[in-house]
Each structure stands twice: as structure tokens, then as C-alpha cells.
Amino acid sequence: MGHRLFKAVGTAVCVALLAGGCVGVRPNATAAAGAPVDDAVAKCAAATIGGAVIGTLIGAAAGGNRGAGAGALIGGAVGGVGCAVLTALDRQDKERIRNAQIAAAATNQPRYLAYQGADGRRREITIRPQKAEPQVAEGGRICRPVDTSATIVGAGSADLPTALVCRTPRGDWVPA
């Protein structure tokens, strides 16, 4: 039993290290459309891989090689369950979300979007500026954090990471 567990742990660590090279979060996200969504997708992928690794360890400890396989499958599914909505968002969806985040920050009012996506499924997007006082960013720019939630009918709902939108010296608002 001890040898099997050691082997399972070693395999899980190797898989995690190899897969970890494929998944990452950009430290300096640009103002490109979808950057916060893309970061959230990367975190979902990491959660899926992490769930699979933990499932492998638990399955190996409980049931040997067959348990490790089943544990990886279950752990990966649990880790990735929230990713379905984020991975279903296409470039147009990300652009709409970005524009609504900018409008919400500029007016300090929530924005609600409801439309049919390119895949035929209905989307419902809610963007809410946080009640907190505007933040002063580098260079004295005024910034507002906005919270975004997305629902795709048939896929579920997800909260995106808080986005920071800042006013430029010309008065335009752009993602930080």
C-alpha cells in the first residue's frame, strides 16, 4: 500500500508540474477585450488540474490504481464545474462585457445585458460598480472597481474577477 501511494503521489506531482506550464495568469493584463475573463479561464483550468491531482491522491489512497483514475476524473470535474460559463464566452461576449464595464464605471450605475450569443444560447450579464469610494491609481487617475456576473442559459452562472476601470486625463474610461 505504501509503495502504491508513493507512486500515485509522484505521478500526480509530475502531472501537476507538466500541466502547470500550460496554465498561467498574466501578471500585467492589458486593456484588451476579455483580459479579466481570460484570467478567470486560466484560474478555472488550474482548479480543474488541481482537482484532478487531489482526486488522484485520494483515489490512490482509497482504491489503488483504479481508484486513482476515478478520483482524477471526479476531482477534475469538481474543480472545473464553474468553468463552463467562462469558456463559453466568445470574443464578442468579452467585448460586450468590457464595454459595459466601462459604461458602468463612467456613470457609476449598474449595466444589464441580455442577448443571444453566436452559439444560440441566451446570455445575461450584470455589471455593478462597487459602493466603495473611487480609488486613486498610479498617475493620479480615478478608478472604480466593478463586479461582473455572467449567466449562459444551459451552462450556468459565474462571477468574473473584479475589474478596475480608470479615467484617463482626457476623460475616457479604460480597463486598468
N, C-alpha and C. Protein backbone atom coordinates (compact mmCIF):
# COMPACT_ATOMS: atom_id res chain seq x y z
N MET A 1 0.84 -1.20 0.00
CA MET A 1 0.00 0.00 0.00
C MET A 1 0.87 1.25 0.00
N GLY A 2 1.91 1.31 0.79
CA GLY A 2 2.78 2.47 0.89
C GLY A 2 3.46 2.76 -0.44
N HIS A 3 3.88 1.71 -1.16
CA HIS A 3 4.54 1.89 -2.45
C HIS A 3 3.56 2.45 -3.48
N ARG A 4 2.31 1.95 -3.47
CA ARG A 4 1.31 2.45 -4.41
C ARG A 4 1.00 3.93 -4.16
N LEU A 5 0.89 4.28 -2.89
CA LEU A 5 0.60 5.66 -2.55
C LEU A 5 1.75 6.57 -2.99
N PHE A 6 2.98 6.13 -2.74
CA PHE A 6 4.15 6.91 -3.15
C PHE A 6 4.17 7.09 -4.67
N LYS A 7 3.85 6.02 -5.40
CA LYS A 7 3.82 6.08 -6.86
C LYS A 7 2.72 7.03 -7.34
N ALA A 8 1.55 6.97 -6.71
CA ALA A 8 0.44 7.84 -7.09
C ALA A 8 0.78 9.31 -6.82
N VAL A 9 1.39 9.56 -5.67
CA VAL A 9 1.77 10.93 -5.33
C VAL A 9 2.80 11.45 -6.33
N GLY A 10 3.78 10.65 -6.66
CA GLY A 10 4.80 11.05 -7.63
C GLY A 10 4.20 11.34 -8.99
N THR A 11 3.29 10.49 -9.43
CA THR A 11 2.62 10.70 -10.71
C THR A 11 1.81 11.98 -10.70
N ALA A 12 1.06 12.18 -9.62
CA ALA A 12 0.23 13.38 -9.51
C ALA A 12 1.07 14.65 -9.53
N VAL A 13 2.18 14.63 -8.83
CA VAL A 13 3.06 15.81 -8.81
C VAL A 13 3.63 16.07 -10.19
N CYS A 14 4.06 15.03 -10.90
CA CYS A 14 4.59 15.21 -12.25
C CYS A 14 3.55 15.78 -13.20
N VAL A 15 2.32 15.26 -13.12
CA VAL A 15 1.25 15.76 -13.97
C VAL A 15 0.98 17.23 -13.65
N ALA A 16 0.93 17.56 -12.37
CA ALA A 16 0.68 18.95 -11.97
C ALA A 16 1.77 19.88 -12.48
N LEU A 17 3.02 19.45 -12.39
CA LEU A 17 4.13 20.29 -12.85
C LEU A 17 4.10 20.46 -14.37
N LEU A 18 3.82 19.37 -15.09
CA LEU A 18 3.75 19.48 -16.54
C LEU A 18 2.58 20.35 -16.98
N ALA A 19 1.43 20.13 -16.39
CA ALA A 19 0.25 20.91 -16.75
C ALA A 19 0.39 22.35 -16.30
N GLY A 20 1.07 22.58 -15.22
CA GLY A 20 1.24 23.93 -14.71
C GLY A 20 1.95 24.84 -15.69
N GLY A 21 2.78 24.26 -16.54
CA GLY A 21 3.45 25.05 -17.56
C GLY A 21 2.52 25.52 -18.65
N CYS A 22 1.36 24.84 -18.77
CA CYS A 22 0.39 25.20 -19.80
C CYS A 22 -0.61 26.23 -19.32
N VAL A 23 -0.71 26.42 -18.04
CA VAL A 23 -1.72 27.30 -17.48
C VAL A 23 -1.03 28.41 -16.72
N GLY A 24 -1.48 29.62 -16.95
CA GLY A 24 -0.90 30.72 -16.20
C GLY A 24 -1.79 31.93 -16.25
N VAL A 25 -1.60 32.81 -15.31
CA VAL A 25 -2.34 34.06 -15.28
C VAL A 25 -1.36 35.16 -15.60
N ARG A 26 -1.73 35.99 -16.58
CA ARG A 26 -0.85 37.08 -16.97
C ARG A 26 -0.73 38.08 -15.83
N PRO A 27 0.49 38.39 -15.40
CA PRO A 27 0.63 39.32 -14.29
C PRO A 27 0.24 40.74 -14.65
N ASN A 28 0.43 41.17 -15.87
CA ASN A 28 0.11 42.53 -16.28
C ASN A 28 -0.88 42.49 -17.42
N ALA A 29 -2.14 42.19 -17.11
CA ALA A 29 -3.17 42.10 -18.13
C ALA A 29 -3.33 43.45 -18.81
N THR A 30 -3.44 43.40 -20.12
CA THR A 30 -3.62 44.64 -20.86
C THR A 30 -5.09 44.99 -20.91
N ALA A 31 -5.40 46.11 -21.55
CA ALA A 31 -6.78 46.55 -21.67
C ALA A 31 -7.50 45.83 -22.79
N ALA A 32 -6.92 44.75 -23.31
CA ALA A 32 -7.56 44.02 -24.39
C ALA A 32 -8.90 43.47 -23.94
N ALA A 33 -9.81 43.40 -24.90
CA ALA A 33 -11.13 42.86 -24.57
C ALA A 33 -10.96 41.46 -24.02
N GLY A 34 -11.63 41.19 -22.91
CA GLY A 34 -11.65 39.86 -22.34
C GLY A 34 -10.51 39.52 -21.42
N ALA A 35 -9.59 40.43 -21.15
CA ALA A 35 -8.45 40.10 -20.30
C ALA A 35 -8.88 39.54 -18.95
N PRO A 36 -9.83 40.17 -18.21
CA PRO A 36 -10.25 39.58 -16.94
C PRO A 36 -10.91 38.21 -17.12
N VAL A 37 -11.66 38.04 -18.21
CA VAL A 37 -12.30 36.76 -18.48
C VAL A 37 -11.24 35.71 -18.78
N ASP A 38 -10.24 36.07 -19.57
CA ASP A 38 -9.16 35.14 -19.89
C ASP A 38 -8.41 34.73 -18.64
N ASP A 39 -8.19 35.67 -17.74
CA ASP A 39 -7.54 35.34 -16.47
C ASP A 39 -8.39 34.37 -15.66
N ALA A 40 -9.69 34.59 -15.65
CA ALA A 40 -10.60 33.70 -14.92
C ALA A 40 -10.59 32.30 -15.53
N VAL A 41 -10.53 32.21 -16.86
CA VAL A 41 -10.46 30.91 -17.52
C VAL A 41 -9.17 30.19 -17.12
N ALA A 42 -8.06 30.91 -17.06
CA ALA A 42 -6.79 30.30 -16.64
C ALA A 42 -6.89 29.76 -15.22
N LYS A 43 -7.55 30.51 -14.34
CA LYS A 43 -7.74 30.04 -12.95
C LYS A 43 -8.64 28.81 -12.92
N CYS A 44 -9.65 28.77 -13.80
CA CYS A 44 -10.52 27.59 -13.87
C CYS A 44 -9.72 26.37 -14.30
N ALA A 45 -8.86 26.56 -15.29
CA ALA A 45 -8.04 25.44 -15.75
C ALA A 45 -7.15 24.94 -14.62
N ALA A 46 -6.59 25.88 -13.85
CA ALA A 46 -5.75 25.48 -12.72
C ALA A 46 -6.58 24.74 -11.67
N ALA A 47 -7.83 25.18 -11.44
CA ALA A 47 -8.70 24.49 -10.48
C ALA A 47 -9.03 23.08 -10.96
N THR A 48 -9.23 22.93 -12.26
CA THR A 48 -9.52 21.61 -12.82
C THR A 48 -8.32 20.68 -12.63
N ILE A 49 -7.14 21.18 -12.94
CA ILE A 49 -5.92 20.37 -12.78
C ILE A 49 -5.70 20.05 -11.30
N GLY A 50 -5.87 21.05 -10.44
CA GLY A 50 -5.71 20.82 -9.01
C GLY A 50 -6.70 19.80 -8.49
N GLY A 51 -7.94 19.89 -8.94
CA GLY A 51 -8.95 18.91 -8.53
C GLY A 51 -8.59 17.50 -8.98
N ALA A 52 -8.06 17.39 -10.19
CA ALA A 52 -7.65 16.08 -10.69
C ALA A 52 -6.50 15.51 -9.87
N VAL A 53 -5.54 16.35 -9.51
CA VAL A 53 -4.40 15.89 -8.70
C VAL A 53 -4.86 15.42 -7.33
N ILE A 54 -5.70 16.22 -6.69
CA ILE A 54 -6.20 15.84 -5.36
C ILE A 54 -7.04 14.58 -5.46
N GLY A 55 -7.88 14.49 -6.50
CA GLY A 55 -8.69 13.29 -6.71
C GLY A 55 -7.83 12.05 -6.93
N THR A 56 -6.73 12.20 -7.65
CA THR A 56 -5.81 11.09 -7.87
C THR A 56 -5.23 10.60 -6.55
N LEU A 57 -4.81 11.54 -5.72
CA LEU A 57 -4.23 11.16 -4.43
C LEU A 57 -5.24 10.45 -3.53
N ILE A 58 -6.43 11.01 -3.46
CA ILE A 58 -7.46 10.39 -2.62
C ILE A 58 -7.85 9.02 -3.18
N GLY A 59 -8.05 8.95 -4.49
CA GLY A 59 -8.42 7.68 -5.12
C GLY A 59 -7.35 6.62 -4.96
N ALA A 60 -6.08 7.01 -5.09
CA ALA A 60 -4.99 6.04 -4.93
C ALA A 60 -4.91 5.54 -3.50
N ALA A 61 -5.11 6.42 -2.55
CA ALA A 61 -5.07 6.02 -1.15
C ALA A 61 -6.22 5.09 -0.82
N ALA A 62 -7.36 5.32 -1.44
CA ALA A 62 -8.55 4.53 -1.11
C ALA A 62 -8.66 3.25 -1.93
N GLY A 63 -8.25 3.28 -3.20
CA GLY A 63 -8.52 2.11 -4.03
C GLY A 63 -7.44 1.73 -5.01
N GLY A 64 -6.23 2.14 -4.83
CA GLY A 64 -5.15 1.75 -5.73
C GLY A 64 -5.26 2.42 -7.09
N ASN A 65 -4.78 1.72 -8.13
CA ASN A 65 -4.71 2.32 -9.46
C ASN A 65 -6.08 2.68 -10.03
N ARG A 66 -7.06 1.77 -9.88
CA ARG A 66 -8.40 2.08 -10.39
C ARG A 66 -9.00 3.26 -9.64
N GLY A 67 -8.77 3.31 -8.34
CA GLY A 67 -9.27 4.43 -7.53
C GLY A 67 -8.62 5.74 -7.94
N ALA A 68 -7.35 5.68 -8.33
CA ALA A 68 -6.65 6.90 -8.73
C ALA A 68 -7.27 7.48 -9.99
N GLY A 69 -7.59 6.62 -10.96
CA GLY A 69 -8.21 7.08 -12.20
C GLY A 69 -9.58 7.70 -11.96
N ALA A 70 -10.38 7.00 -11.16
CA ALA A 70 -11.72 7.52 -10.86
C ALA A 70 -11.62 8.81 -10.06
N GLY A 71 -10.69 8.86 -9.12
CA GLY A 71 -10.50 10.06 -8.31
C GLY A 71 -10.09 11.25 -9.15
N ALA A 72 -9.21 11.02 -10.13
CA ALA A 72 -8.78 12.11 -11.02
C ALA A 72 -9.95 12.64 -11.83
N LEU A 73 -10.78 11.73 -12.34
CA LEU A 73 -11.93 12.12 -13.13
C LEU A 73 -12.91 12.94 -12.30
N ILE A 74 -13.24 12.45 -11.12
CA ILE A 74 -14.18 13.16 -10.24
C ILE A 74 -13.59 14.48 -9.78
N GLY A 75 -12.33 14.47 -9.35
CA GLY A 75 -11.68 15.71 -8.89
C GLY A 75 -11.59 16.76 -9.97
N GLY A 76 -11.27 16.35 -11.20
CA GLY A 76 -11.21 17.29 -12.31
C GLY A 76 -12.57 17.89 -12.62
N ALA A 77 -13.60 17.06 -12.55
CA ALA A 77 -14.97 17.56 -12.80
C ALA A 77 -15.38 18.56 -11.74
N VAL A 78 -15.09 18.24 -10.48
CA VAL A 78 -15.44 19.16 -9.39
C VAL A 78 -14.65 20.46 -9.53
N GLY A 79 -13.38 20.37 -9.83
CA GLY A 79 -12.55 21.56 -9.96
C GLY A 79 -12.95 22.44 -11.13
N GLY A 80 -13.50 21.86 -12.19
CA GLY A 80 -13.81 22.61 -13.39
C GLY A 80 -15.27 22.96 -13.59
N VAL A 81 -16.11 22.63 -12.62
CA VAL A 81 -17.55 22.83 -12.81
C VAL A 81 -17.91 24.30 -13.08
N GLY A 82 -17.21 25.25 -12.49
CA GLY A 82 -17.52 26.66 -12.71
C GLY A 82 -16.97 27.22 -14.00
N CYS A 83 -16.20 26.43 -14.73
CA CYS A 83 -15.55 26.92 -15.94
C CYS A 83 -16.45 26.91 -17.17
N ALA A 84 -17.55 26.19 -17.14
CA ALA A 84 -18.38 26.04 -18.33
C ALA A 84 -18.84 27.38 -18.88
N VAL A 85 -19.26 28.28 -18.01
CA VAL A 85 -19.74 29.59 -18.47
C VAL A 85 -18.58 30.41 -19.04
N LEU A 86 -17.47 30.45 -18.31
CA LEU A 86 -16.35 31.29 -18.74
C LEU A 86 -15.76 30.83 -20.07
N THR A 87 -15.68 29.53 -20.28
CA THR A 87 -15.11 29.03 -21.53
C THR A 87 -16.09 29.17 -22.69
N ALA A 88 -17.38 29.36 -22.39
CA ALA A 88 -18.38 29.54 -23.45
C ALA A 88 -18.43 30.97 -23.98
N LEU A 89 -17.81 31.90 -23.26
CA LEU A 89 -17.81 33.30 -23.71
C LEU A 89 -16.85 33.48 -24.89
N ASP A 90 -17.37 34.00 -25.99
CA ASP A 90 -16.52 34.21 -27.16
C ASP A 90 -16.01 35.66 -27.20
N ARG A 91 -15.30 35.99 -28.25
CA ARG A 91 -14.70 37.32 -28.38
C ARG A 91 -15.75 38.44 -28.34
N GLN A 92 -16.88 38.22 -29.00
CA GLN A 92 -17.95 39.22 -28.99
C GLN A 92 -18.50 39.41 -27.57
N ASP A 93 -18.67 38.30 -26.86
CA ASP A 93 -19.16 38.39 -25.47
C ASP A 93 -18.19 39.20 -24.62
N LYS A 94 -16.91 38.92 -24.76
CA LYS A 94 -15.90 39.62 -23.97
C LYS A 94 -15.87 41.11 -24.29
N GLU A 95 -16.06 41.44 -25.56
CA GLU A 95 -16.08 42.85 -25.96
C GLU A 95 -17.31 43.55 -25.37
N ARG A 96 -18.45 42.88 -25.38
CA ARG A 96 -19.66 43.46 -24.79
C ARG A 96 -19.49 43.67 -23.28
N ILE A 97 -18.89 42.69 -22.63
CA ILE A 97 -18.66 42.81 -21.18
C ILE A 97 -17.73 43.98 -20.91
N ARG A 98 -16.65 44.08 -21.66
CA ARG A 98 -15.68 45.17 -21.48
C ARG A 98 -16.35 46.53 -21.64
N ASN A 99 -17.14 46.68 -22.71
CA ASN A 99 -17.82 47.96 -22.96
C ASN A 99 -18.82 48.29 -21.85
N ALA A 100 -19.52 47.29 -21.35
CA ALA A 100 -20.49 47.51 -20.27
C ALA A 100 -19.77 47.85 -18.96
N GLN A 101 -18.61 47.26 -18.73
CA GLN A 101 -17.82 47.60 -17.53
C GLN A 101 -17.38 49.05 -17.60
N ILE A 102 -16.95 49.50 -18.77
CA ILE A 102 -16.53 50.90 -18.94
C ILE A 102 -17.71 51.83 -18.71
N ALA A 103 -18.87 51.50 -19.27
CA ALA A 103 -20.06 52.35 -19.10
C ALA A 103 -20.50 52.38 -17.63
N ALA A 104 -20.43 51.25 -16.95
CA ALA A 104 -20.83 51.21 -15.54
C ALA A 104 -19.89 52.05 -14.69
N ALA A 105 -18.60 51.99 -14.97
CA ALA A 105 -17.64 52.79 -14.20
C ALA A 105 -17.81 54.28 -14.50
N ALA A 106 -18.03 54.62 -15.75
CA ALA A 106 -18.15 56.03 -16.14
C ALA A 106 -19.38 56.70 -15.52
N THR A 107 -20.48 55.95 -15.42
CA THR A 107 -21.72 56.53 -14.89
C THR A 107 -21.94 56.18 -13.42
N ASN A 108 -21.13 55.23 -12.91
CA ASN A 108 -21.29 54.72 -11.55
C ASN A 108 -22.69 54.12 -11.36
N GLN A 109 -23.21 53.52 -12.45
CA GLN A 109 -24.52 52.87 -12.44
C GLN A 109 -24.38 51.45 -12.99
N PRO A 110 -25.20 50.53 -12.48
CA PRO A 110 -25.12 49.15 -12.99
C PRO A 110 -25.55 49.07 -14.46
N ARG A 111 -25.08 48.04 -15.11
CA ARG A 111 -25.45 47.76 -16.50
C ARG A 111 -25.95 46.32 -16.57
N TYR A 112 -27.00 46.12 -17.35
CA TYR A 112 -27.57 44.79 -17.54
C TYR A 112 -27.63 44.50 -19.03
N LEU A 113 -27.11 43.37 -19.43
CA LEU A 113 -27.15 42.96 -20.82
C LEU A 113 -27.91 41.65 -20.92
N ALA A 114 -28.75 41.52 -21.91
CA ALA A 114 -29.43 40.26 -22.20
C ALA A 114 -29.48 40.13 -23.72
N TYR A 115 -28.92 39.06 -24.24
CA TYR A 115 -28.85 38.87 -25.68
C TYR A 115 -28.60 37.41 -25.99
N GLN A 116 -28.74 37.07 -27.26
CA GLN A 116 -28.47 35.71 -27.71
C GLN A 116 -27.07 35.67 -28.30
N GLY A 117 -26.26 34.74 -27.81
CA GLY A 117 -24.89 34.62 -28.28
C GLY A 117 -24.81 33.94 -29.64
N ALA A 118 -23.62 33.93 -30.21
CA ALA A 118 -23.39 33.33 -31.52
C ALA A 118 -23.72 31.84 -31.52
N ASP A 119 -23.64 31.20 -30.34
CA ASP A 119 -23.95 29.77 -30.25
C ASP A 119 -25.45 29.50 -30.06
N GLY A 120 -26.26 30.59 -30.06
CA GLY A 120 -27.70 30.43 -29.94
C GLY A 120 -28.22 30.43 -28.51
N ARG A 121 -27.33 30.45 -27.53
CA ARG A 121 -27.77 30.44 -26.13
C ARG A 121 -27.89 31.87 -25.60
N ARG A 122 -28.89 32.07 -24.75
CA ARG A 122 -29.14 33.37 -24.16
C ARG A 122 -28.09 33.68 -23.10
N ARG A 123 -27.63 34.93 -23.12
CA ARG A 123 -26.67 35.42 -22.13
C ARG A 123 -27.32 36.54 -21.32
N GLU A 124 -27.03 36.55 -20.03
CA GLU A 124 -27.47 37.61 -19.13
C GLU A 124 -26.25 38.06 -18.34
N ILE A 125 -25.84 39.30 -18.55
CA ILE A 125 -24.64 39.84 -17.94
C ILE A 125 -25.05 40.99 -17.02
N THR A 126 -24.52 41.00 -15.81
CA THR A 126 -24.79 42.09 -14.87
C THR A 126 -23.46 42.67 -14.42
N ILE A 127 -23.33 43.98 -14.55
CA ILE A 127 -22.12 44.69 -14.11
C ILE A 127 -22.54 45.73 -13.08
N ARG A 128 -21.91 45.67 -11.90
CA ARG A 128 -22.23 46.61 -10.82
C ARG A 128 -20.96 47.27 -10.31
N PRO A 129 -20.93 48.63 -10.35
CA PRO A 129 -19.80 49.31 -9.69
C PRO A 129 -19.88 49.05 -8.19
N GLN A 130 -18.74 48.87 -7.57
CA GLN A 130 -18.72 48.68 -6.12
C GLN A 130 -19.07 49.99 -5.43
N LYS A 131 -19.67 49.87 -4.24
CA LYS A 131 -20.10 51.05 -3.48
C LYS A 131 -18.92 51.84 -2.91
N ALA A 132 -17.76 51.25 -2.91
CA ALA A 132 -16.58 51.91 -2.33
C ALA A 132 -16.26 53.21 -3.06
N GLU A 133 -15.58 54.08 -2.35
CA GLU A 133 -15.12 55.34 -2.97
C GLU A 133 -14.18 55.01 -4.13
N PRO A 134 -14.19 55.84 -5.17
CA PRO A 134 -13.25 55.61 -6.26
C PRO A 134 -11.81 55.56 -5.75
N GLN A 135 -11.01 54.73 -6.37
CA GLN A 135 -9.61 54.60 -5.97
C GLN A 135 -8.75 55.54 -6.81
N VAL A 136 -7.65 55.98 -6.24
CA VAL A 136 -6.69 56.79 -6.99
C VAL A 136 -5.55 55.86 -7.38
N ALA A 137 -5.35 55.72 -8.68
CA ALA A 137 -4.32 54.81 -9.18
C ALA A 137 -3.05 55.58 -9.51
N GLU A 138 -2.07 54.86 -10.00
CA GLU A 138 -0.80 55.43 -10.41
C GLU A 138 -1.03 56.60 -11.37
N GLY A 139 -0.36 57.68 -11.17
CA GLY A 139 -0.52 58.84 -12.03
C GLY A 139 -1.72 59.70 -11.65
N GLY A 140 -2.35 59.40 -10.51
CA GLY A 140 -3.48 60.20 -10.04
C GLY A 140 -4.79 59.91 -10.74
N ARG A 141 -4.87 58.84 -11.53
CA ARG A 141 -6.11 58.51 -12.21
C ARG A 141 -7.15 58.02 -11.22
N ILE A 142 -8.40 58.37 -11.47
CA ILE A 142 -9.52 57.89 -10.66
C ILE A 142 -9.96 56.55 -11.25
N CYS A 143 -10.13 55.54 -10.39
CA CYS A 143 -10.52 54.21 -10.84
C CYS A 143 -11.70 53.71 -10.03
N ARG A 144 -12.54 52.91 -10.67
CA ARG A 144 -13.67 52.29 -10.00
C ARG A 144 -13.63 50.78 -10.22
N PRO A 145 -13.73 50.01 -9.13
CA PRO A 145 -13.86 48.56 -9.29
C PRO A 145 -15.29 48.20 -9.67
N VAL A 146 -15.46 47.26 -10.59
CA VAL A 146 -16.78 46.79 -10.99
C VAL A 146 -16.83 45.27 -10.88
N ASP A 147 -17.98 44.79 -10.41
CA ASP A 147 -18.22 43.35 -10.29
C ASP A 147 -19.09 42.90 -11.46
N THR A 148 -18.77 41.75 -12.01
CA THR A 148 -19.48 41.25 -13.18
C THR A 148 -19.91 39.81 -12.96
N SER A 149 -21.16 39.52 -13.29
CA SER A 149 -21.62 38.13 -13.27
C SER A 149 -22.20 37.80 -14.64
N ALA A 150 -22.01 36.58 -15.07
CA ALA A 150 -22.47 36.14 -16.39
C ALA A 150 -23.28 34.87 -16.24
N THR A 151 -24.39 34.80 -16.94
CA THR A 151 -25.21 33.59 -16.99
C THR A 151 -25.38 33.22 -18.45
N ILE A 152 -25.17 31.95 -18.76
CA ILE A 152 -25.47 31.42 -20.08
C ILE A 152 -26.49 30.32 -19.85
N VAL A 153 -27.68 30.51 -20.40
CA VAL A 153 -28.76 29.54 -20.20
C VAL A 153 -28.30 28.18 -20.74
N GLY A 154 -28.40 27.19 -19.90
CA GLY A 154 -27.98 25.84 -20.25
C GLY A 154 -26.56 25.51 -19.81
N ALA A 155 -25.78 26.53 -19.43
CA ALA A 155 -24.41 26.29 -18.98
C ALA A 155 -24.20 26.68 -17.53
N GLY A 156 -24.97 27.65 -17.03
CA GLY A 156 -24.84 28.07 -15.63
C GLY A 156 -24.44 29.52 -15.50
N SER A 157 -23.97 29.86 -14.30
CA SER A 157 -23.57 31.23 -13.97
C SER A 157 -22.18 31.26 -13.40
N ALA A 158 -21.52 32.40 -13.53
CA ALA A 158 -20.18 32.58 -12.97
C ALA A 158 -19.94 34.04 -12.65
N ASP A 159 -19.20 34.28 -11.59
CA ASP A 159 -18.75 35.62 -11.25
C ASP A 159 -17.35 35.79 -11.82
N LEU A 160 -17.15 36.89 -12.53
CA LEU A 160 -15.83 37.19 -13.07
C LEU A 160 -15.02 37.91 -12.01
N PRO A 161 -13.71 37.94 -12.16
CA PRO A 161 -12.89 38.70 -11.21
C PRO A 161 -13.27 40.18 -11.27
N THR A 162 -13.13 40.87 -10.14
CA THR A 162 -13.41 42.30 -10.11
C THR A 162 -12.48 43.01 -11.09
N ALA A 163 -13.09 43.86 -11.91
CA ALA A 163 -12.32 44.63 -12.89
C ALA A 163 -12.14 46.06 -12.38
N LEU A 164 -11.01 46.64 -12.65
CA LEU A 164 -10.74 48.02 -12.27
C LEU A 164 -10.75 48.85 -13.56
N VAL A 165 -11.60 49.87 -13.59
CA VAL A 165 -11.73 50.73 -14.77
C VAL A 165 -11.33 52.14 -14.34
N CYS A 166 -10.44 52.78 -15.12
CA CYS A 166 -9.87 54.08 -14.73
C CYS A 166 -10.15 55.17 -15.76
N ARG A 167 -10.26 56.40 -15.26
CA ARG A 167 -10.47 57.56 -16.13
C ARG A 167 -9.11 58.09 -16.58
N THR A 168 -9.02 58.35 -17.87
CA THR A 168 -7.77 58.90 -18.43
C THR A 168 -7.79 60.42 -18.26
N PRO A 169 -6.66 61.09 -18.46
CA PRO A 169 -6.64 62.56 -18.38
C PRO A 169 -7.59 63.23 -19.38
N ARG A 170 -7.91 62.54 -20.49
CA ARG A 170 -8.85 63.09 -21.48
C ARG A 170 -10.31 62.88 -21.07
N GLY A 171 -10.53 62.12 -19.99
CA GLY A 171 -11.89 61.87 -19.52
C GLY A 171 -12.49 60.56 -19.96
N ASP A 172 -11.77 59.81 -20.81
CA ASP A 172 -12.23 58.48 -21.22
C ASP A 172 -12.03 57.49 -20.08
N TRP A 173 -12.78 56.41 -20.09
CA TRP A 173 -12.60 55.35 -19.11
C TRP A 173 -12.06 54.12 -19.83
N VAL A 174 -11.05 53.48 -19.23
CA VAL A 174 -10.44 52.30 -19.82
C VAL A 174 -10.14 51.29 -18.71
N PRO A 175 -10.14 49.99 -19.06
CA PRO A 175 -9.75 49.00 -18.05
C PRO A 175 -8.31 49.22 -17.62
N ALA A 176 -8.05 49.04 -16.33
CA ALA A 176 -6.70 49.24 -15.79
C ALA A 176 -5.76 48.16 -16.28
